[in-house]
Amino acid sequence: MHFPIAAGCGTGAVVQARAKGPRLRDHRRRALRLRRDNGRSVRQSKQFPSHSRSRRNPDQDLAMNAYIPLILFTVLTNAAAQLMLKRGMTGVGNLDIGGDGLISTVFRVVFNPFVFAGLCTFVVSMASHLIVLSKVQISYAYPFLSLAYVVVAVYAYFVFQEDLSPARIAGIGLIMLGTIFIAQS
């Protein structure tokens, strides 16, 4: 096939297009796209445009480290919510759904000031976690949430006089060490 070049687009030479059938052209286009995208399919490229199979560059590491304060805010609000729920449920006492009825028990629990504050704090924690997830890789952000266990365990030991055995202390140390490794990676 021959296509004339539009007027004003050059010397008026004739451009010859290779036409060996639409299947061959589509196959070539797909092969070029796969090579360009480092072996990822076109579908993967559209779903995960910022990720590639190659190693992250240092700029991405710095960008993720910039969100550590927000990640720690998420951890602390998560831990605070847990502690408020514990305090509230201690005040509510034993739940007797059979004797009090389901509706009455739910209202008694939800409208306890500490339980209500804990639930609201969970909403704040989840909102900040969603912001974090929109900015950094989940494999980087999610392990930081394990620090909430550390905060809750230490607080429970000092305020609620809960037991903190040597095995728990060792576990807390391993959690902290693992989180440090993740922050460094």
C-alpha atoms as a PDB file:
ATOM      1  CA  MET A   1       0.000   0.000   0.000  1.00  0.00           C
ATOM      2  CA  HIS A   2       1.148   3.524  -0.703  1.00  0.00           C
ATOM      3  CA  PHE A   3      -0.006   6.596   1.203  1.00  0.00           C
ATOM      4  CA  PRO A   4       0.859  10.089   0.021  1.00  0.00           C
ATOM      5  CA  ILE A   5       2.215  12.418   2.678  1.00  0.00           C
ATOM      6  CA  ALA A   6      -0.073  15.346   3.409  1.00  0.00           C
ATOM      7  CA  ALA A   7       0.770  18.650   1.785  1.00  0.00           C
ATOM      8  CA  GLY A   8       3.251  20.729   3.719  1.00  0.00           C
ATOM      9  CA  CYS A   9       4.665  17.730   5.582  1.00  0.00           C
ATOM     10  CA  GLY A  10       7.870  17.320   3.670  1.00  0.00           C
ATOM     11  CA  THR A  11       9.048  16.713   0.156  1.00  0.00           C
ATOM     12  CA  GLY A  12       5.972  14.882  -1.017  1.00  0.00           C
ATOM     13  CA  ALA A  13       7.632  11.480  -0.960  1.00  0.00           C
ATOM     14  CA  VAL A  14       5.494   8.421  -0.791  1.00  0.00           C
ATOM     15  CA  VAL A  15       5.419   6.435   2.438  1.00  0.00           C
ATOM     16  CA  GLN A  16       5.095   2.719   2.069  1.00  0.00           C
ATOM     17  CA  ALA A  17       3.358   0.847   4.869  1.00  0.00           C
ATOM     18  CA  ARG A  18       3.954  -2.798   5.443  1.00  0.00           C
ATOM     19  CA  ALA A  19       0.714  -4.654   5.350  1.00  0.00           C
ATOM     20  CA  LYS A  20       1.106  -8.329   6.102  1.00  0.00           C
ATOM     21  CA  GLY A  21      -2.198  -8.667   7.827  1.00  0.00           C
ATOM     22  CA  PRO A  22      -3.647  -7.221  11.039  1.00  0.00           C
ATOM     23  CA  ARG A  23      -2.669 -10.219  13.180  1.00  0.00           C
ATOM     24  CA  LEU A  24       1.038  -9.816  12.486  1.00  0.00           C
ATOM     25  CA  ARG A  25       0.960  -6.068  13.182  1.00  0.00           C
ATOM     26  CA  ASP A  26      -0.905  -6.585  16.473  1.00  0.00           C
ATOM     27  CA  HIS A  27       1.573  -9.280  17.487  1.00  0.00           C
ATOM     28  CA  ARG A  28       4.523  -6.960  16.795  1.00  0.00           C
ATOM     29  CA  ARG A  29       2.939  -4.111  18.748  1.00  0.00           C
ATOM     30  CA  ARG A  30       2.314  -6.404  21.720  1.00  0.00           C
ATOM     31  CA  ALA A  31       5.875  -7.739  21.614  1.00  0.00           C
ATOM     32  CA  LEU A  32       7.258  -4.205  21.600  1.00  0.00           C
ATOM     33  CA  ARG A  33       5.047  -3.242  24.536  1.00  0.00           C
ATOM     34  CA  LEU A  34       6.162  -6.298  26.501  1.00  0.00           C
ATOM     35  CA  ARG A  35       9.825  -5.490  25.878  1.00  0.00           C
ATOM     36  CA  ARG A  36       9.264  -1.869  26.834  1.00  0.00           C
ATOM     37  CA  ASP A  37       7.548  -2.846  30.078  1.00  0.00           C
ATOM     38  CA  ASN A  38      10.295  -5.264  31.196  1.00  0.00           C
ATOM     39  CA  GLY A  39       8.245  -8.360  30.580  1.00  0.00           C
ATOM     40  CA  ARG A  40       5.117  -7.165  32.324  1.00  0.00           C
ATOM     41  CA  SER A  41       1.864  -7.548  30.485  1.00  0.00           C
ATOM     42  CA  VAL A  42      -0.029  -4.497  29.311  1.00  0.00           C
ATOM     43  CA  ARG A  43      -2.656  -5.237  31.934  1.00  0.00           C
ATOM     44  CA  GLN A  44      -0.037  -5.211  34.710  1.00  0.00           C
ATOM     45  CA  SER A  45       1.410  -1.974  33.368  1.00  0.00           C
ATOM     46  CA  LYS A  46      -1.967  -0.288  33.594  1.00  0.00           C
ATOM     47  CA  GLN A  47      -2.791  -1.654  37.048  1.00  0.00           C
ATOM     48  CA  PHE A  48       0.609  -0.989  38.614  1.00  0.00           C
ATOM     49  CA  PRO A  49       2.234   1.762  36.536  1.00  0.00           C
ATOM     50  CA  SER A  50       4.763   2.917  39.139  1.00  0.00           C
ATOM     51  CA  HIS A  51       6.166  -0.523  39.942  1.00  0.00           C
ATOM     52  CA  SER A  52       8.619  -2.467  37.882  1.00  0.00           C
ATOM     53  CA  ARG A  53      10.558  -5.656  38.323  1.00  0.00           C
ATOM     54  CA  SER A  54      13.758  -3.703  38.751  1.00  0.00           C
ATOM     55  CA  ARG A  55      15.078  -2.666  42.136  1.00  0.00           C
ATOM     56  CA  ARG A  56      13.742   0.541  43.721  1.00  0.00           C
ATOM     57  CA  ASN A  57      15.850   3.603  43.344  1.00  0.00           C
ATOM     58  CA  PRO A  58      17.119   5.628  46.335  1.00  0.00           C
ATOM     59  CA  ASP A  59      14.623   8.414  45.653  1.00  0.00           C
ATOM     60  CA  GLN A  60      11.760   5.997  46.346  1.00  0.00           C
ATOM     61  CA  ASP A  61      13.414   4.950  49.624  1.00  0.00           C
ATOM     62  CA  LEU A  62      13.682   8.577  50.718  1.00  0.00           C
ATOM     63  CA  ALA A  63      10.071   9.165  49.738  1.00  0.00           C
ATOM     64  CA  MET A  64       8.923   6.209  51.851  1.00  0.00           C
ATOM     65  CA  ASN A  65      11.043   7.319  54.810  1.00  0.00           C
ATOM     66  CA  ALA A  66       9.370  10.728  54.629  1.00  0.00           C
ATOM     67  CA  TYR A  67       6.097   9.054  55.658  1.00  0.00           C
ATOM     68  CA  ILE A  68       7.466   7.428  58.828  1.00  0.00           C
ATOM     69  CA  PRO A  69       5.936  10.165  61.057  1.00  0.00           C
ATOM     70  CA  LEU A  70       2.490   9.512  59.544  1.00  0.00           C
ATOM     71  CA  ILE A  71       3.015   5.758  59.901  1.00  0.00           C
ATOM     72  CA  LEU A  72       3.942   6.238  63.562  1.00  0.00           C
ATOM     73  CA  PHE A  73       0.862   8.438  64.044  1.00  0.00           C
ATOM     74  CA  THR A  74      -1.200   5.550  62.674  1.00  0.00           C
ATOM     75  CA  VAL A  75       0.493   3.152  65.088  1.00  0.00           C
ATOM     76  CA  LEU A  76      -0.049   5.403  68.098  1.00  0.00           C
ATOM     77  CA  THR A  77      -3.707   6.104  67.316  1.00  0.00           C
ATOM     78  CA  ASN A  78      -4.265   2.371  66.816  1.00  0.00           C
ATOM     79  CA  ALA A  79      -2.675   1.632  70.192  1.00  0.00           C
ATOM     80  CA  ALA A  80      -4.605   4.456  71.875  1.00  0.00           C
ATOM     81  CA  ALA A  81      -7.861   3.080  70.466  1.00  0.00           C
ATOM     82  CA  GLN A  82      -7.076  -0.385  71.853  1.00  0.00           C
ATOM     83  CA  LEU A  83      -6.298   1.040  75.277  1.00  0.00           C
ATOM     84  CA  MET A  84      -9.478   3.136  75.352  1.00  0.00           C
ATOM     85  CA  LEU A  85     -11.537   0.095  74.377  1.00  0.00           C
ATOM     86  CA  LYS A  86      -9.919  -1.926  77.171  1.00  0.00           C
ATOM     87  CA  ARG A  87     -10.612   0.821  79.718  1.00  0.00           C
ATOM     88  CA  GLY A  88     -14.196   1.162  78.525  1.00  0.00           C
ATOM     89  CA  MET A  89     -14.908  -2.566  78.564  1.00  0.00           C
ATOM     90  CA  THR A  90     -13.441  -2.823  82.061  1.00  0.00           C
ATOM     91  CA  GLY A  91     -16.014  -0.225  83.125  1.00  0.00           C
ATOM     92  CA  VAL A  92     -18.869  -1.986  81.335  1.00  0.00           C
ATOM     93  CA  GLY A  93     -18.145  -5.266  83.098  1.00  0.00           C
ATOM     94  CA  ASN A  94     -19.422  -8.672  82.057  1.00  0.00           C
ATOM     95  CA  LEU A  95     -21.710  -8.789  79.060  1.00  0.00           C
ATOM     96  CA  ASP A  96     -24.958 -10.649  79.622  1.00  0.00           C
ATOM     97  CA  ILE A  97     -26.814 -10.554  76.333  1.00  0.00           C
ATOM     98  CA  GLY A  98     -29.353 -13.127  77.499  1.00  0.00           C
ATOM     99  CA  GLY A  99     -30.316 -11.199  80.607  1.00  0.00           C
ATOM    100  CA  ASP A 100     -30.092  -7.615  79.337  1.00  0.00           C
ATOM    101  CA  GLY A 101     -31.020  -8.200  75.711  1.00  0.00           C
ATOM    102  CA  LEU A 102     -28.913  -7.587  72.639  1.00  0.00           C
ATOM    103  CA  ILE A 103     -30.018  -4.005  71.920  1.00  0.00           C
ATOM    104  CA  SER A 104     -29.579  -2.881  75.508  1.00  0.00           C
ATOM    105  CA  THR A 105     -26.113  -4.463  75.702  1.00  0.00           C
ATOM    106  CA  VAL A 106     -24.985  -2.869  72.425  1.00  0.00           C
ATOM    107  CA  PHE A 107     -26.144   0.583  73.575  1.00  0.00           C
ATOM    108  CA  ARG A 108     -24.480   0.132  76.955  1.00  0.00           C
ATOM    109  CA  VAL A 109     -21.170  -0.789  75.288  1.00  0.00           C
ATOM    110  CA  VAL A 110     -21.140   1.724  72.428  1.00  0.00           C
ATOM    111  CA  PHE A 111     -22.199   4.678  74.551  1.00  0.00           C
ATOM    112  CA  ASN A 112     -19.612   4.062  77.228  1.00  0.00           C
ATOM    113  CA  PRO A 113     -17.397   7.176  76.881  1.00  0.00           C
ATOM    114  CA  PHE A 114     -14.145   5.215  76.621  1.00  0.00           C
ATOM    115  CA  VAL A 115     -15.506   2.697  74.129  1.00  0.00           C
ATOM    116  CA  PHE A 116     -17.000   5.487  72.022  1.00  0.00           C
ATOM    117  CA  ALA A 117     -13.707   7.437  72.108  1.00  0.00           C
ATOM    118  CA  GLY A 118     -11.819   4.254  71.191  1.00  0.00           C
ATOM    119  CA  LEU A 119     -14.061   3.628  68.188  1.00  0.00           C
ATOM    120  CA  CYS A 120     -13.638   7.244  67.036  1.00  0.00           C
ATOM    121  CA  THR A 121      -9.874   6.933  67.439  1.00  0.00           C
ATOM    122  CA  PHE A 122      -9.954   3.791  65.292  1.00  0.00           C
ATOM    123  CA  VAL A 123     -11.617   5.829  62.549  1.00  0.00           C
ATOM    124  CA  VAL A 124      -8.813   8.411  62.732  1.00  0.00           C
ATOM    125  CA  SER A 125      -6.213   5.639  62.726  1.00  0.00           C
ATOM    126  CA  MET A 126      -7.791   3.984  59.695  1.00  0.00           C
ATOM    127  CA  ALA A 127      -7.972   7.287  57.809  1.00  0.00           C
ATOM    128  CA  SER A 128      -4.284   7.956  58.402  1.00  0.00           C
ATOM    129  CA  HIS A 129      -3.476   4.361  57.434  1.00  0.00           C
ATOM    130  CA  LEU A 130      -5.332   4.819  54.141  1.00  0.00           C
ATOM    131  CA  ILE A 131      -3.256   7.929  53.432  1.00  0.00           C
ATOM    132  CA  VAL A 132      -0.083   5.967  54.168  1.00  0.00           C
ATOM    133  CA  LEU A 133      -1.156   3.133  51.879  1.00  0.00           C
ATOM    134  CA  SER A 134      -1.737   5.597  49.054  1.00  0.00           C
ATOM    135  CA  LYS A 135       1.840   6.857  49.371  1.00  0.00           C
ATOM    136  CA  VAL A 136       4.106   3.900  50.218  1.00  0.00           C
ATOM    137  CA  GLN A 137       4.351   0.194  49.539  1.00  0.00           C
ATOM    138  CA  ILE A 138       2.228  -1.982  51.802  1.00  0.00           C
ATOM    139  CA  SER A 139       5.161  -4.311  52.437  1.00  0.00           C
ATOM    140  CA  TYR A 140       6.933  -1.311  53.975  1.00  0.00           C
ATOM    141  CA  ALA A 141       4.038   0.280  55.898  1.00  0.00           C
ATOM    142  CA  TYR A 142       2.137  -2.701  57.283  1.00  0.00           C
ATOM    143  CA  PRO A 143       4.862  -4.192  59.511  1.00  0.00           C
ATOM    144  CA  PHE A 144       5.054  -0.883  61.396  1.00  0.00           C
ATOM    145  CA  LEU A 145       1.577  -1.629  62.764  1.00  0.00           C
ATOM    146  CA  SER A 146       3.156  -4.349  64.881  1.00  0.00           C
ATOM    147  CA  LEU A 147       4.645  -1.545  66.974  1.00  0.00           C
ATOM    148  CA  ALA A 148       1.130  -0.968  68.318  1.00  0.00           C
ATOM    149  CA  TYR A 149       1.533  -4.258  70.179  1.00  0.00           C
ATOM    150  CA  VAL A 150       4.687  -2.920  71.819  1.00  0.00           C
ATOM    151  CA  VAL A 151       2.962   0.295  72.936  1.00  0.00           C
ATOM    152  CA  VAL A 152      -0.100  -1.565  74.218  1.00  0.00           C
ATOM    153  CA  ALA A 153       1.944  -4.184  76.097  1.00  0.00           C
ATOM    154  CA  VAL A 154       4.111  -1.604  77.860  1.00  0.00           C
ATOM    155  CA  TYR A 155       1.118   0.609  78.726  1.00  0.00           C
ATOM    156  CA  ALA A 156      -0.870  -2.399  79.978  1.00  0.00           C
ATOM    157  CA  TYR A 157       2.018  -3.407  82.202  1.00  0.00           C
ATOM    158  CA  PHE A 158       2.293   0.003  83.876  1.00  0.00           C
ATOM    159  CA  VAL A 159      -1.360   1.111  83.953  1.00  0.00           C
ATOM    160  CA  PHE A 160      -3.461  -2.071  83.992  1.00  0.00           C
ATOM    161  CA  GLN A 161      -0.831  -4.060  85.966  1.00  0.00           C
ATOM    162  CA  GLU A 162      -0.922  -6.862  83.389  1.00  0.00           C
ATOM    163  CA  ASP A 163       1.818  -9.484  83.375  1.00  0.00           C
ATOM    164  CA  LEU A 164       4.816  -8.944  81.092  1.00  0.00           C
ATOM    165  CA  SER A 165       6.695 -12.240  81.072  1.00  0.00           C
ATOM    166  CA  PRO A 166      10.249 -12.724  79.767  1.00  0.00           C
ATOM    167  CA  ALA A 167       8.841 -14.415  76.658  1.00  0.00           C
ATOM    168  CA  ARG A 168       6.661 -11.366  75.925  1.00  0.00           C
ATOM    169  CA  ILE A 169       9.616  -9.052  76.482  1.00  0.00           C
ATOM    170  CA  ALA A 170      11.696 -11.117  74.039  1.00  0.00           C
ATOM    171  CA  GLY A 171       8.837 -11.001  71.528  1.00  0.00           C
ATOM    172  CA  ILE A 172       8.581  -7.230  71.895  1.00  0.00           C
ATOM    173  CA  GLY A 173      12.327  -6.964  71.282  1.00  0.00           C
ATOM    174  CA  LEU A 174      12.051  -9.064  68.125  1.00  0.00           C
ATOM    175  CA  ILE A 175       9.143  -6.960  66.866  1.00  0.00           C
ATOM    176  CA  MET A 176      11.133  -3.777  67.392  1.00  0.00           C
ATOM    177  CA  LEU A 177      14.214  -5.277  65.734  1.00  0.00           C
ATOM    178  CA  GLY A 178      12.180  -6.441  62.738  1.00  0.00           C
ATOM    179  CA  THR A 179      10.598  -3.032  62.344  1.00  0.00           C
ATOM    180  CA  ILE A 180      14.032  -1.398  62.405  1.00  0.00           C
ATOM    181  CA  PHE A 181      15.192  -3.759  59.644  1.00  0.00           C
ATOM    182  CA  ILE A 182      12.150  -2.906  57.537  1.00  0.00           C
ATOM    183  CA  ALA A 183      12.673   0.833  58.040  1.00  0.00           C
ATOM    184  CA  GLN A 184      16.296   0.433  56.893  1.00  0.00           C
ATOM    185  CA  SER A 185      15.391  -1.554  53.751  1.00  0.00           C
END
